[in-house]
Amino acid sequence: MAAVDDLIRHSLHSDVVLIRSVAEYIIGGGGKRLRPALVLLSAKTAGYRGKSHLDLAAVVEFIHTATLLHDDVVDESQLRRGRKTANAEFGNAASVLVGDFLYSRAFQMMVTVGSMRVMEVLAEATNTIAEGEVLQLLNTHNADISEEGYIAIIHRKTAKLFEAAAQLGAILGGASDEVEQGLAKYGMHLGTAFQLIDDVLDYSGDAASTGKSLGDDLNEGKPTLPLIHVLRRGASEHASVVRRAIEQGGRDGFAEVLVAIKASGALEYASDAARAEALKARQALTVLPNSIYKDSLLKLASFAVERDH
């Protein structure tokens, strides 16, 4: 991971000062680096011995960072990882354009690996993520979205890059189709579990730990799983509160929504759903031989649902 961080910083170089400033600001903000770690671990568990996994780990992080830059502009977010978002610091125009730079730099780097299969996986992933972003936009303030519809958005917007990251390592290692698909399924379920816990933390986390303001999803009118649970299974008065909050957006009804969520057991429901996804992720790894890398992937699935940030 230290080598990946060095490569990331080296690859951010540009003669355009603003690009360097914004890119270094967002990359230097930290983050869990889960997606790059997935590339490294899956490559090692597949027996890969070269260095291209470092390049692809950086590529995946660049793609993820580009989506964050664009997301924060769309969502008008002001806080990420405990400090001002890039758009709050540098403006929307700079954030969008530097996000474009990171996307294009990612594709420059993936070409150097010299694998058409790698490029195919990453091209499909970035296109699917874009579809997920648009689907989420279309369903903003939509209190009638089904649970299945919401999970479909998660699969595209968040879980797809986890899936691609795990799959890339298998491809580099020349793994069998069975192992490659097992790692891809692992990544998809891991990413889904990760997002569901994010949904839970938006209503139960500590702002100092999560690094973002509580209630951001509600403020943006996003119908996440805890809210969908209240709408479908909560008491009528609680469902009415949540419906109004989703359709209007903002934070004015946050306290009432919290009461509705707690009364309906929505956080427990979403947490259970996340744990079920993490279990599926672990089960997908049964096709892998035992190794310290497989052990780390198993632990990562546990971390995804036990974390508080």
C-alpha atoms as a PDB file:
ATOM      1  CA  MET A   1       0.000   0.000   0.000  1.00  0.00           C
ATOM      2  CA  ALA A   2       2.945   2.337   0.631  1.00  0.00           C
ATOM      3  CA  ALA A   3       4.151   1.610  -2.907  1.00  0.00           C
ATOM      4  CA  VAL A   4       0.665   2.346  -4.246  1.00  0.00           C
ATOM      5  CA  ASP A   5       0.555   5.672  -2.395  1.00  0.00           C
ATOM      6  CA  ASP A   6       3.957   6.596  -3.861  1.00  0.00           C
ATOM      7  CA  LEU A   7       2.726   5.695  -7.335  1.00  0.00           C
ATOM      8  CA  ILE A   8      -0.463   7.697  -6.857  1.00  0.00           C
ATOM      9  CA  ARG A   9       1.479  10.824  -5.925  1.00  0.00           C
ATOM     10  CA  HIS A  10       3.941  10.373  -8.788  1.00  0.00           C
ATOM     11  CA  SER A  11       1.099   9.861 -11.267  1.00  0.00           C
ATOM     12  CA  LEU A  12      -0.682  13.029 -10.147  1.00  0.00           C
ATOM     13  CA  HIS A  13       2.054  15.185 -11.656  1.00  0.00           C
ATOM     14  CA  SER A  14       0.838  17.810 -14.084  1.00  0.00           C
ATOM     15  CA  ASP A  15       2.305  21.061 -15.356  1.00  0.00           C
ATOM     16  CA  VAL A  16      -1.044  22.661 -14.513  1.00  0.00           C
ATOM     17  CA  VAL A  17      -0.741  23.851 -10.922  1.00  0.00           C
ATOM     18  CA  LEU A  18      -4.479  23.765 -10.173  1.00  0.00           C
ATOM     19  CA  ILE A  19      -4.671  20.107 -11.200  1.00  0.00           C
ATOM     20  CA  ARG A  20      -1.859  19.228  -8.810  1.00  0.00           C
ATOM     21  CA  SER A  21      -3.399  21.267  -5.997  1.00  0.00           C
ATOM     22  CA  VAL A  22      -6.897  19.790  -6.235  1.00  0.00           C
ATOM     23  CA  ALA A  23      -5.738  16.218  -6.899  1.00  0.00           C
ATOM     24  CA  GLU A  24      -3.248  16.252  -4.034  1.00  0.00           C
ATOM     25  CA  TYR A  25      -5.884  17.795  -1.757  1.00  0.00           C
ATOM     26  CA  ILE A  26      -8.424  15.023  -2.325  1.00  0.00           C
ATOM     27  CA  ILE A  27      -5.909  12.148  -2.457  1.00  0.00           C
ATOM     28  CA  GLY A  28      -4.054  13.494   0.572  1.00  0.00           C
ATOM     29  CA  GLY A  29      -7.306  13.543   2.509  1.00  0.00           C
ATOM     30  CA  GLY A  30      -6.791   9.903   3.332  1.00  0.00           C
ATOM     31  CA  GLY A  31      -9.553   7.353   2.964  1.00  0.00           C
ATOM     32  CA  LYS A  32      -9.609   3.648   3.616  1.00  0.00           C
ATOM     33  CA  ARG A  33      -7.987   2.639   0.294  1.00  0.00           C
ATOM     34  CA  LEU A  34     -10.193  -0.471   0.305  1.00  0.00           C
ATOM     35  CA  ARG A  35     -10.458  -0.722  -3.454  1.00  0.00           C
ATOM     36  CA  PRO A  36      -6.689  -0.617  -4.084  1.00  0.00           C
ATOM     37  CA  ALA A  37      -6.233  -3.137  -1.271  1.00  0.00           C
ATOM     38  CA  LEU A  38      -8.682  -5.445  -3.063  1.00  0.00           C
ATOM     39  CA  VAL A  39      -6.563  -5.337  -6.217  1.00  0.00           C
ATOM     40  CA  LEU A  40      -3.404  -6.190  -4.280  1.00  0.00           C
ATOM     41  CA  LEU A  41      -4.946  -8.982  -2.206  1.00  0.00           C
ATOM     42  CA  SER A  42      -6.808 -10.611  -5.091  1.00  0.00           C
ATOM     43  CA  ALA A  43      -3.677 -10.528  -7.262  1.00  0.00           C
ATOM     44  CA  LYS A  44      -1.598 -12.155  -4.531  1.00  0.00           C
ATOM     45  CA  THR A  45      -4.191 -14.788  -3.738  1.00  0.00           C
ATOM     46  CA  ALA A  46      -4.227 -15.624  -7.457  1.00  0.00           C
ATOM     47  CA  GLY A  47      -0.439 -16.089  -7.388  1.00  0.00           C
ATOM     48  CA  TYR A  48       0.581 -12.940  -9.265  1.00  0.00           C
ATOM     49  CA  ARG A  49       4.265 -12.025  -8.921  1.00  0.00           C
ATOM     50  CA  GLY A  50       4.696  -8.932 -11.103  1.00  0.00           C
ATOM     51  CA  LYS A  51       4.202  -5.232 -10.367  1.00  0.00           C
ATOM     52  CA  SER A  52       1.223  -4.329 -12.523  1.00  0.00           C
ATOM     53  CA  HIS A  53      -1.086  -4.842  -9.559  1.00  0.00           C
ATOM     54  CA  LEU A  54       0.375  -1.608  -8.143  1.00  0.00           C
ATOM     55  CA  ASP A  55      -0.587   0.281 -11.313  1.00  0.00           C
ATOM     56  CA  LEU A  56      -4.110  -1.110 -11.299  1.00  0.00           C
ATOM     57  CA  ALA A  57      -4.527  -0.384  -7.593  1.00  0.00           C
ATOM     58  CA  ALA A  58      -3.687   3.263  -8.351  1.00  0.00           C
ATOM     59  CA  VAL A  59      -6.023   3.233 -11.360  1.00  0.00           C
ATOM     60  CA  VAL A  60      -8.912   2.019  -9.225  1.00  0.00           C
ATOM     61  CA  GLU A  61      -8.223   4.694  -6.602  1.00  0.00           C
ATOM     62  CA  PHE A  62      -8.135   7.393  -9.298  1.00  0.00           C
ATOM     63  CA  ILE A  63     -11.489   6.249 -10.663  1.00  0.00           C
ATOM     64  CA  HIS A  64     -12.945   6.225  -7.157  1.00  0.00           C
ATOM     65  CA  THR A  65     -11.541   9.686  -6.408  1.00  0.00           C
ATOM     66  CA  ALA A  66     -12.926  11.079  -9.667  1.00  0.00           C
ATOM     67  CA  THR A  67     -16.393   9.848  -8.708  1.00  0.00           C
ATOM     68  CA  LEU A  68     -16.030  11.505  -5.278  1.00  0.00           C
ATOM     69  CA  LEU A  69     -15.116  14.834  -6.858  1.00  0.00           C
ATOM     70  CA  HIS A  70     -18.116  14.695  -9.169  1.00  0.00           C
ATOM     71  CA  ASP A  71     -20.455  13.348  -6.451  1.00  0.00           C
ATOM     72  CA  ASP A  72     -19.654  16.188  -4.079  1.00  0.00           C
ATOM     73  CA  VAL A  73     -20.486  18.725  -6.779  1.00  0.00           C
ATOM     74  CA  VAL A  74     -23.793  17.025  -7.634  1.00  0.00           C
ATOM     75  CA  ASP A  75     -24.711  16.639  -3.941  1.00  0.00           C
ATOM     76  CA  GLU A  76     -23.410  20.100  -2.989  1.00  0.00           C
ATOM     77  CA  SER A  77     -21.506  18.430  -0.146  1.00  0.00           C
ATOM     78  CA  GLN A  78     -19.355  20.546   2.155  1.00  0.00           C
ATOM     79  CA  LEU A  79     -17.563  17.944   4.271  1.00  0.00           C
ATOM     80  CA  ARG A  80     -15.718  14.708   3.471  1.00  0.00           C
ATOM     81  CA  ARG A  81     -13.206  12.777   5.600  1.00  0.00           C
ATOM     82  CA  GLY A  82     -13.426  15.418   8.284  1.00  0.00           C
ATOM     83  CA  ARG A  83     -12.510  18.438   6.157  1.00  0.00           C
ATOM     84  CA  LYS A  84     -13.947  20.675   3.440  1.00  0.00           C
ATOM     85  CA  THR A  85     -14.736  18.962   0.161  1.00  0.00           C
ATOM     86  CA  ALA A  86     -12.697  19.932  -2.889  1.00  0.00           C
ATOM     87  CA  ASN A  87     -15.656  21.800  -4.367  1.00  0.00           C
ATOM     88  CA  ALA A  88     -16.033  23.792  -1.145  1.00  0.00           C
ATOM     89  CA  GLU A  89     -12.300  24.558  -1.176  1.00  0.00           C
ATOM     90  CA  PHE A  90     -11.650  25.153  -4.892  1.00  0.00           C
ATOM     91  CA  GLY A  91     -15.090  25.565  -6.474  1.00  0.00           C
ATOM     92  CA  ASN A  92     -17.344  23.328  -8.556  1.00  0.00           C
ATOM     93  CA  ALA A  93     -15.655  23.980 -11.902  1.00  0.00           C
ATOM     94  CA  ALA A  94     -12.216  22.944 -10.651  1.00  0.00           C
ATOM     95  CA  SER A  95     -13.615  19.809  -8.996  1.00  0.00           C
ATOM     96  CA  VAL A  96     -15.404  18.637 -12.130  1.00  0.00           C
ATOM     97  CA  LEU A  97     -12.445  19.274 -14.413  1.00  0.00           C
ATOM     98  CA  VAL A  98      -9.878  17.675 -12.113  1.00  0.00           C
ATOM     99  CA  GLY A  99     -12.237  14.701 -11.792  1.00  0.00           C
ATOM    100  CA  ASP A 100     -12.057  14.440 -15.577  1.00  0.00           C
ATOM    101  CA  PHE A 101      -8.248  14.592 -15.363  1.00  0.00           C
ATOM    102  CA  LEU A 102      -8.198  11.698 -12.882  1.00  0.00           C
ATOM    103  CA  TYR A 103     -10.441   9.599 -15.136  1.00  0.00           C
ATOM    104  CA  SER A 104      -8.217  10.210 -18.152  1.00  0.00           C
ATOM    105  CA  ARG A 105      -5.021   9.589 -16.156  1.00  0.00           C
ATOM    106  CA  ALA A 106      -6.514   6.298 -14.948  1.00  0.00           C
ATOM    107  CA  PHE A 107      -7.068   5.195 -18.542  1.00  0.00           C
ATOM    108  CA  GLN A 108      -3.532   6.241 -19.505  1.00  0.00           C
ATOM    109  CA  MET A 109      -2.171   4.043 -16.722  1.00  0.00           C
ATOM    110  CA  MET A 110      -4.343   1.014 -17.445  1.00  0.00           C
ATOM    111  CA  VAL A 111      -3.129   0.973 -21.065  1.00  0.00           C
ATOM    112  CA  THR A 112       0.450   0.441 -19.829  1.00  0.00           C
ATOM    113  CA  VAL A 113      -0.573  -2.917 -18.325  1.00  0.00           C
ATOM    114  CA  GLY A 114      -1.090  -4.181 -21.878  1.00  0.00           C
ATOM    115  CA  SER A 115      -4.154  -6.321 -21.211  1.00  0.00           C
ATOM    116  CA  MET A 116      -7.301  -5.948 -23.287  1.00  0.00           C
ATOM    117  CA  ARG A 117      -9.218  -7.913 -20.631  1.00  0.00           C
ATOM    118  CA  VAL A 118      -8.158  -5.445 -17.937  1.00  0.00           C
ATOM    119  CA  MET A 119      -9.273  -2.518 -20.082  1.00  0.00           C
ATOM    120  CA  GLU A 120     -12.575  -4.252 -20.809  1.00  0.00           C
ATOM    121  CA  VAL A 121     -13.326  -4.734 -17.097  1.00  0.00           C
ATOM    122  CA  LEU A 122     -12.434  -1.161 -16.180  1.00  0.00           C
ATOM    123  CA  ALA A 123     -14.280   0.365 -19.130  1.00  0.00           C
ATOM    124  CA  GLU A 124     -17.403  -1.571 -18.212  1.00  0.00           C
ATOM    125  CA  ALA A 125     -17.032  -0.594 -14.552  1.00  0.00           C
ATOM    126  CA  THR A 126     -16.720   3.146 -15.225  1.00  0.00           C
ATOM    127  CA  ASN A 127     -19.727   3.059 -17.563  1.00  0.00           C
ATOM    128  CA  THR A 128     -21.804   1.125 -15.022  1.00  0.00           C
ATOM    129  CA  ILE A 129     -20.840   3.554 -12.248  1.00  0.00           C
ATOM    130  CA  ALA A 130     -21.999   6.464 -14.414  1.00  0.00           C
ATOM    131  CA  GLU A 131     -25.330   4.691 -14.949  1.00  0.00           C
ATOM    132  CA  GLY A 132     -25.643   4.249 -11.193  1.00  0.00           C
ATOM    133  CA  GLU A 133     -25.011   7.943 -10.612  1.00  0.00           C
ATOM    134  CA  VAL A 134     -27.750   8.872 -13.067  1.00  0.00           C
ATOM    135  CA  LEU A 135     -30.166   6.340 -11.546  1.00  0.00           C
ATOM    136  CA  GLN A 136     -29.536   7.814  -8.115  1.00  0.00           C
ATOM    137  CA  LEU A 137     -30.164  11.292  -9.483  1.00  0.00           C
ATOM    138  CA  LEU A 138     -33.439  10.167 -11.058  1.00  0.00           C
ATOM    139  CA  ASN A 139     -34.582   8.707  -7.738  1.00  0.00           C
ATOM    140  CA  THR A 140     -33.686  11.688  -5.586  1.00  0.00           C
ATOM    141  CA  HIS A 141     -36.827  12.719  -3.629  1.00  0.00           C
ATOM    142  CA  ASN A 142     -38.537   9.504  -4.765  1.00  0.00           C
ATOM    143  CA  ALA A 143     -40.262   8.026  -1.718  1.00  0.00           C
ATOM    144  CA  ASP A 144     -41.791   5.240  -3.823  1.00  0.00           C
ATOM    145  CA  ILE A 145     -38.566   3.479  -4.822  1.00  0.00           C
ATOM    146  CA  SER A 146     -38.571  -0.224  -3.945  1.00  0.00           C
ATOM    147  CA  GLU A 147     -35.887  -1.923  -1.897  1.00  0.00           C
ATOM    148  CA  GLU A 148     -34.926  -3.906  -4.997  1.00  0.00           C
ATOM    149  CA  GLY A 149     -34.625  -0.697  -7.000  1.00  0.00           C
ATOM    150  CA  TYR A 150     -32.388   0.846  -4.377  1.00  0.00           C
ATOM    151  CA  ILE A 151     -30.125  -2.219  -4.199  1.00  0.00           C
ATOM    152  CA  ALA A 152     -29.819  -2.065  -7.993  1.00  0.00           C
ATOM    153  CA  ILE A 153     -28.499   1.501  -7.657  1.00  0.00           C
ATOM    154  CA  ILE A 154     -25.958   0.370  -5.041  1.00  0.00           C
ATOM    155  CA  HIS A 155     -24.764  -2.426  -7.310  1.00  0.00           C
ATOM    156  CA  ARG A 156     -24.038   0.054 -10.081  1.00  0.00           C
ATOM    157  CA  LYS A 157     -22.857   3.103  -8.172  1.00  0.00           C
ATOM    158  CA  THR A 158     -20.753   1.574  -5.389  1.00  0.00           C
ATOM    159  CA  ALA A 159     -20.361  -2.192  -5.598  1.00  0.00           C
ATOM    160  CA  LYS A 160     -19.273  -2.304  -9.259  1.00  0.00           C
ATOM    161  CA  LEU A 161     -15.850  -0.799  -8.555  1.00  0.00           C
ATOM    162  CA  PHE A 162     -15.317  -3.232  -5.654  1.00  0.00           C
ATOM    163  CA  GLU A 163     -16.202  -6.047  -8.055  1.00  0.00           C
ATOM    164  CA  ALA A 164     -13.818  -4.774 -10.718  1.00  0.00           C
ATOM    165  CA  ALA A 165     -10.984  -4.315  -8.211  1.00  0.00           C
ATOM    166  CA  ALA A 166     -11.228  -7.910  -7.002  1.00  0.00           C
ATOM    167  CA  GLN A 167     -11.623  -9.236 -10.535  1.00  0.00           C
ATOM    168  CA  LEU A 168      -8.553  -7.365 -11.826  1.00  0.00           C
ATOM    169  CA  GLY A 169      -6.247  -9.200  -9.434  1.00  0.00           C
ATOM    170  CA  ALA A 170      -7.586 -12.527 -10.629  1.00  0.00           C
ATOM    171  CA  ILE A 171      -6.985 -11.532 -14.253  1.00  0.00           C
ATOM    172  CA  LEU A 172      -3.400 -10.452 -13.525  1.00  0.00           C
ATOM    173  CA  GLY A 173      -2.755 -13.752 -11.758  1.00  0.00           C
ATOM    174  CA  GLY A 174      -4.132 -15.787 -14.656  1.00  0.00           C
ATOM    175  CA  ALA A 175      -6.714 -17.362 -12.356  1.00  0.00           C
ATOM    176  CA  SER A 176      -9.300 -19.863 -13.557  1.00  0.00           C
ATOM    177  CA  ASP A 177     -12.760 -18.645 -14.565  1.00  0.00           C
ATOM    178  CA  GLU A 178     -14.098 -20.113 -11.318  1.00  0.00           C
ATOM    179  CA  VAL A 179     -11.667 -18.125  -9.177  1.00  0.00           C
ATOM    180  CA  GLU A 180     -12.135 -14.955 -11.216  1.00  0.00           C
ATOM    181  CA  GLN A 181     -15.913 -15.128 -10.854  1.00  0.00           C
ATOM    182  CA  GLY A 182     -15.594 -15.991  -7.167  1.00  0.00           C
ATOM    183  CA  LEU A 183     -13.496 -12.888  -6.553  1.00  0.00           C
ATOM    184  CA  ALA A 184     -15.858 -10.756  -8.641  1.00  0.00           C
ATOM    185  CA  LYS A 185     -18.840 -11.949  -6.584  1.00  0.00           C
ATOM    186  CA  TYR A 186     -16.878 -11.306  -3.414  1.00  0.00           C
ATOM    187  CA  GLY A 187     -16.239  -7.713  -4.511  1.00  0.00           C
ATOM    188  CA  MET A 188     -19.861  -7.115  -5.459  1.00  0.00           C
ATOM    189  CA  HIS A 189     -21.215  -8.370  -2.131  1.00  0.00           C
ATOM    190  CA  LEU A 190     -18.482  -6.586  -0.180  1.00  0.00           C
ATOM    191  CA  GLY A 191     -19.264  -3.288  -1.900  1.00  0.00           C
ATOM    192  CA  THR A 192     -22.984  -3.721  -1.255  1.00  0.00           C
ATOM    193  CA  ALA A 193     -22.365  -4.432   2.437  1.00  0.00           C
ATOM    194  CA  PHE A 194     -20.060  -1.420   2.632  1.00  0.00           C
ATOM    195  CA  GLN A 195     -22.696   0.938   1.209  1.00  0.00           C
ATOM    196  CA  LEU A 196     -25.457  -0.402   3.459  1.00  0.00           C
ATOM    197  CA  ILE A 197     -23.317   0.316   6.516  1.00  0.00           C
ATOM    198  CA  ASP A 198     -22.699   3.810   5.141  1.00  0.00           C
ATOM    199  CA  ASP A 199     -26.489   4.170   5.073  1.00  0.00           C
ATOM    200  CA  VAL A 200     -26.675   3.122   8.712  1.00  0.00           C
ATOM    201  CA  LEU A 201     -23.853   5.460   9.776  1.00  0.00           C
ATOM    202  CA  ASP A 202     -25.587   8.415   8.141  1.00  0.00           C
ATOM    203  CA  TYR A 203     -28.191   8.155  10.914  1.00  0.00           C
ATOM    204  CA  SER A 204     -26.183   6.660  13.762  1.00  0.00           C
ATOM    205  CA  GLY A 205     -22.512   7.484  13.308  1.00  0.00           C
ATOM    206  CA  ASP A 206     -20.363  10.066  15.005  1.00  0.00           C
ATOM    207  CA  ALA A 207     -19.451  12.951  12.707  1.00  0.00           C
ATOM    208  CA  ALA A 208     -15.891  12.990  14.049  1.00  0.00           C
ATOM    209  CA  SER A 209     -15.500   9.300  13.114  1.00  0.00           C
ATOM    210  CA  THR A 210     -17.369   9.270   9.797  1.00  0.00           C
ATOM    211  CA  GLY A 211     -15.775  12.506   8.609  1.00  0.00           C
ATOM    212  CA  LYS A 212     -19.015  13.862   7.193  1.00  0.00           C
ATOM    213  CA  SER A 213     -22.142  15.533   8.449  1.00  0.00           C
ATOM    214  CA  LEU A 214     -24.905  13.251   9.725  1.00  0.00           C
ATOM    215  CA  GLY A 215     -28.101  13.360   7.717  1.00  0.00           C
ATOM    216  CA  ASP A 216     -26.379  14.192   4.429  1.00  0.00           C
ATOM    217  CA  ASP A 217     -28.490  11.630   2.571  1.00  0.00           C
ATOM    218  CA  LEU A 218     -31.700  13.047   4.007  1.00  0.00           C
ATOM    219  CA  ASN A 219     -30.604  16.583   3.218  1.00  0.00           C
ATOM    220  CA  GLU A 220     -30.169  15.539  -0.420  1.00  0.00           C
ATOM    221  CA  GLY A 221     -33.489  13.686  -0.531  1.00  0.00           C
ATOM    222  CA  LYS A 222     -31.858  10.280  -1.025  1.00  0.00           C
ATOM    223  CA  PRO A 223     -34.110   7.324  -0.099  1.00  0.00           C
ATOM    224  CA  THR A 224     -31.612   4.897   1.465  1.00  0.00           C
ATOM    225  CA  LEU A 225     -32.449   1.493   2.961  1.00  0.00           C
ATOM    226  CA  PRO A 226     -33.274   2.642   6.532  1.00  0.00           C
ATOM    227  CA  LEU A 227     -35.781   5.143   5.133  1.00  0.00           C
ATOM    228  CA  ILE A 228     -37.224   2.624   2.691  1.00  0.00           C
ATOM    229  CA  HIS A 229     -37.748   0.209   5.592  1.00  0.00           C
ATOM    230  CA  VAL A 230     -39.720   2.830   7.539  1.00  0.00           C
ATOM    231  CA  LEU A 231     -41.838   3.576   4.462  1.00  0.00           C
ATOM    232  CA  ARG A 232     -42.631  -0.085   3.850  1.00  0.00           C
ATOM    233  CA  ARG A 233     -42.884  -1.487   7.371  1.00  0.00           C
ATOM    234  CA  GLY A 234     -43.042   1.411   9.838  1.00  0.00           C
ATOM    235  CA  ALA A 235     -46.108   2.829  11.560  1.00  0.00           C
ATOM    236  CA  SER A 236     -48.195   5.089   9.311  1.00  0.00           C
ATOM    237  CA  GLU A 237     -47.297   8.256  11.235  1.00  0.00           C
ATOM    238  CA  HIS A 238     -43.581   7.421  10.964  1.00  0.00           C
ATOM    239  CA  ALA A 239     -43.876   6.600   7.269  1.00  0.00           C
ATOM    240  CA  SER A 240     -45.558   9.962   6.687  1.00  0.00           C
ATOM    241  CA  VAL A 241     -42.685  11.772   8.405  1.00  0.00           C
ATOM    242  CA  VAL A 242     -40.102   9.970   6.278  1.00  0.00           C
ATOM    243  CA  ARG A 243     -42.030  10.451   3.037  1.00  0.00           C
ATOM    244  CA  ARG A 244     -42.268  14.188   3.647  1.00  0.00           C
ATOM    245  CA  ALA A 245     -38.574  14.406   4.510  1.00  0.00           C
ATOM    246  CA  ILE A 246     -37.499  12.560   1.342  1.00  0.00           C
ATOM    247  CA  GLU A 247     -39.774  14.558  -0.932  1.00  0.00           C
ATOM    248  CA  GLN A 248     -38.782  17.926   0.553  1.00  0.00           C
ATOM    249  CA  GLY A 249     -35.120  17.275   1.383  1.00  0.00           C
ATOM    250  CA  GLY A 250     -33.219  19.424   3.874  1.00  0.00           C
ATOM    251  CA  ARG A 251     -32.470  18.817   7.538  1.00  0.00           C
ATOM    252  CA  ASP A 252     -35.533  20.367   9.145  1.00  0.00           C
ATOM    253  CA  GLY A 253     -37.162  16.995   9.812  1.00  0.00           C
ATOM    254  CA  PHE A 254     -33.998  15.153  10.812  1.00  0.00           C
ATOM    255  CA  ALA A 255     -34.952  14.735  14.489  1.00  0.00           C
ATOM    256  CA  GLU A 256     -38.395  13.369  13.607  1.00  0.00           C
ATOM    257  CA  VAL A 257     -36.893  11.010  11.041  1.00  0.00           C
ATOM    258  CA  LEU A 258     -34.461   9.671  13.632  1.00  0.00           C
ATOM    259  CA  VAL A 259     -37.390   8.885  15.923  1.00  0.00           C
ATOM    260  CA  ALA A 260     -39.173   7.073  13.073  1.00  0.00           C
ATOM    261  CA  ILE A 261     -36.042   5.105  12.170  1.00  0.00           C
ATOM    262  CA  LYS A 262     -35.422   3.971  15.735  1.00  0.00           C
ATOM    263  CA  ALA A 263     -39.063   3.066  16.357  1.00  0.00           C
ATOM    264  CA  SER A 264     -39.225   0.866  13.256  1.00  0.00           C
ATOM    265  CA  GLY A 265     -35.913  -0.943  13.806  1.00  0.00           C
ATOM    266  CA  ALA A 266     -34.679   0.384  10.454  1.00  0.00           C
ATOM    267  CA  LEU A 267     -31.018   0.542  11.433  1.00  0.00           C
ATOM    268  CA  GLU A 268     -31.070  -3.061  12.647  1.00  0.00           C
ATOM    269  CA  TYR A 269     -32.792  -4.087   9.415  1.00  0.00           C
ATOM    270  CA  ALA A 270     -30.178  -2.385   7.239  1.00  0.00           C
ATOM    271  CA  SER A 271     -27.344  -3.752   9.390  1.00  0.00           C
ATOM    272  CA  ASP A 272     -28.750  -7.271   9.035  1.00  0.00           C
ATOM    273  CA  ALA A 273     -28.908  -6.793   5.269  1.00  0.00           C
ATOM    274  CA  ALA A 274     -25.270  -5.688   5.281  1.00  0.00           C
ATOM    275  CA  ARG A 275     -24.227  -8.708   7.342  1.00  0.00           C
ATOM    276  CA  ALA A 276     -26.047 -10.990   4.898  1.00  0.00           C
ATOM    277  CA  GLU A 277     -24.080  -9.432   2.040  1.00  0.00           C
ATOM    278  CA  ALA A 278     -20.812  -9.839   3.951  1.00  0.00           C
ATOM    279  CA  LEU A 279     -21.627 -13.513   4.506  1.00  0.00           C
ATOM    280  CA  LYS A 280     -22.208 -13.968   0.761  1.00  0.00           C
ATOM    281  CA  ALA A 281     -18.865 -12.268   0.146  1.00  0.00           C
ATOM    282  CA  ARG A 282     -17.083 -14.704   2.451  1.00  0.00           C
ATOM    283  CA  GLN A 283     -18.875 -17.671   0.876  1.00  0.00           C
ATOM    284  CA  ALA A 284     -17.717 -16.558  -2.577  1.00  0.00           C
ATOM    285  CA  LEU A 285     -14.116 -17.068  -1.446  1.00  0.00           C
ATOM    286  CA  THR A 286     -14.527 -20.823  -0.914  1.00  0.00           C
ATOM    287  CA  VAL A 287     -13.101 -21.310  -4.419  1.00  0.00           C
ATOM    288  CA  LEU A 288      -9.768 -19.836  -3.303  1.00  0.00           C
ATOM    289  CA  PRO A 289      -6.909 -21.842  -1.782  1.00  0.00           C
ATOM    290  CA  ASN A 290      -6.018 -20.978   1.805  1.00  0.00           C
ATOM    291  CA  SER A 291      -3.449 -18.197   2.171  1.00  0.00           C
ATOM    292  CA  ILE A 292      -2.694 -15.113   4.254  1.00  0.00           C
ATOM    293  CA  TYR A 293      -4.221 -13.079   1.419  1.00  0.00           C
ATOM    294  CA  LYS A 294      -7.492 -14.998   1.559  1.00  0.00           C
ATOM    295  CA  ASP A 295      -7.503 -14.494   5.329  1.00  0.00           C
ATOM    296  CA  SER A 296      -7.163 -10.753   4.792  1.00  0.00           C
ATOM    297  CA  LEU A 297     -10.065 -10.739   2.332  1.00  0.00           C
ATOM    298  CA  LEU A 298     -12.199 -12.560   4.904  1.00  0.00           C
ATOM    299  CA  LYS A 299     -11.237 -10.020   7.568  1.00  0.00           C
ATOM    300  CA  LEU A 300     -12.055  -7.198   5.176  1.00  0.00           C
ATOM    301  CA  ALA A 301     -15.601  -8.533   4.853  1.00  0.00           C
ATOM    302  CA  SER A 302     -15.927  -8.405   8.634  1.00  0.00           C
ATOM    303  CA  PHE A 303     -14.509  -4.880   8.796  1.00  0.00           C
ATOM    304  CA  ALA A 304     -17.024  -3.661   6.205  1.00  0.00           C
ATOM    305  CA  VAL A 305     -19.916  -4.341   8.590  1.00  0.00           C
ATOM    306  CA  GLU A 306     -18.270  -3.765  11.972  1.00  0.00           C
ATOM    307  CA  ARG A 307     -16.741  -0.352  11.282  1.00  0.00           C
ATOM    308  CA  ASP A 308     -17.873   2.952  12.756  1.00  0.00           C
ATOM    309  CA  HIS A 309     -16.425   5.168  10.032  1.00  0.00           C
END
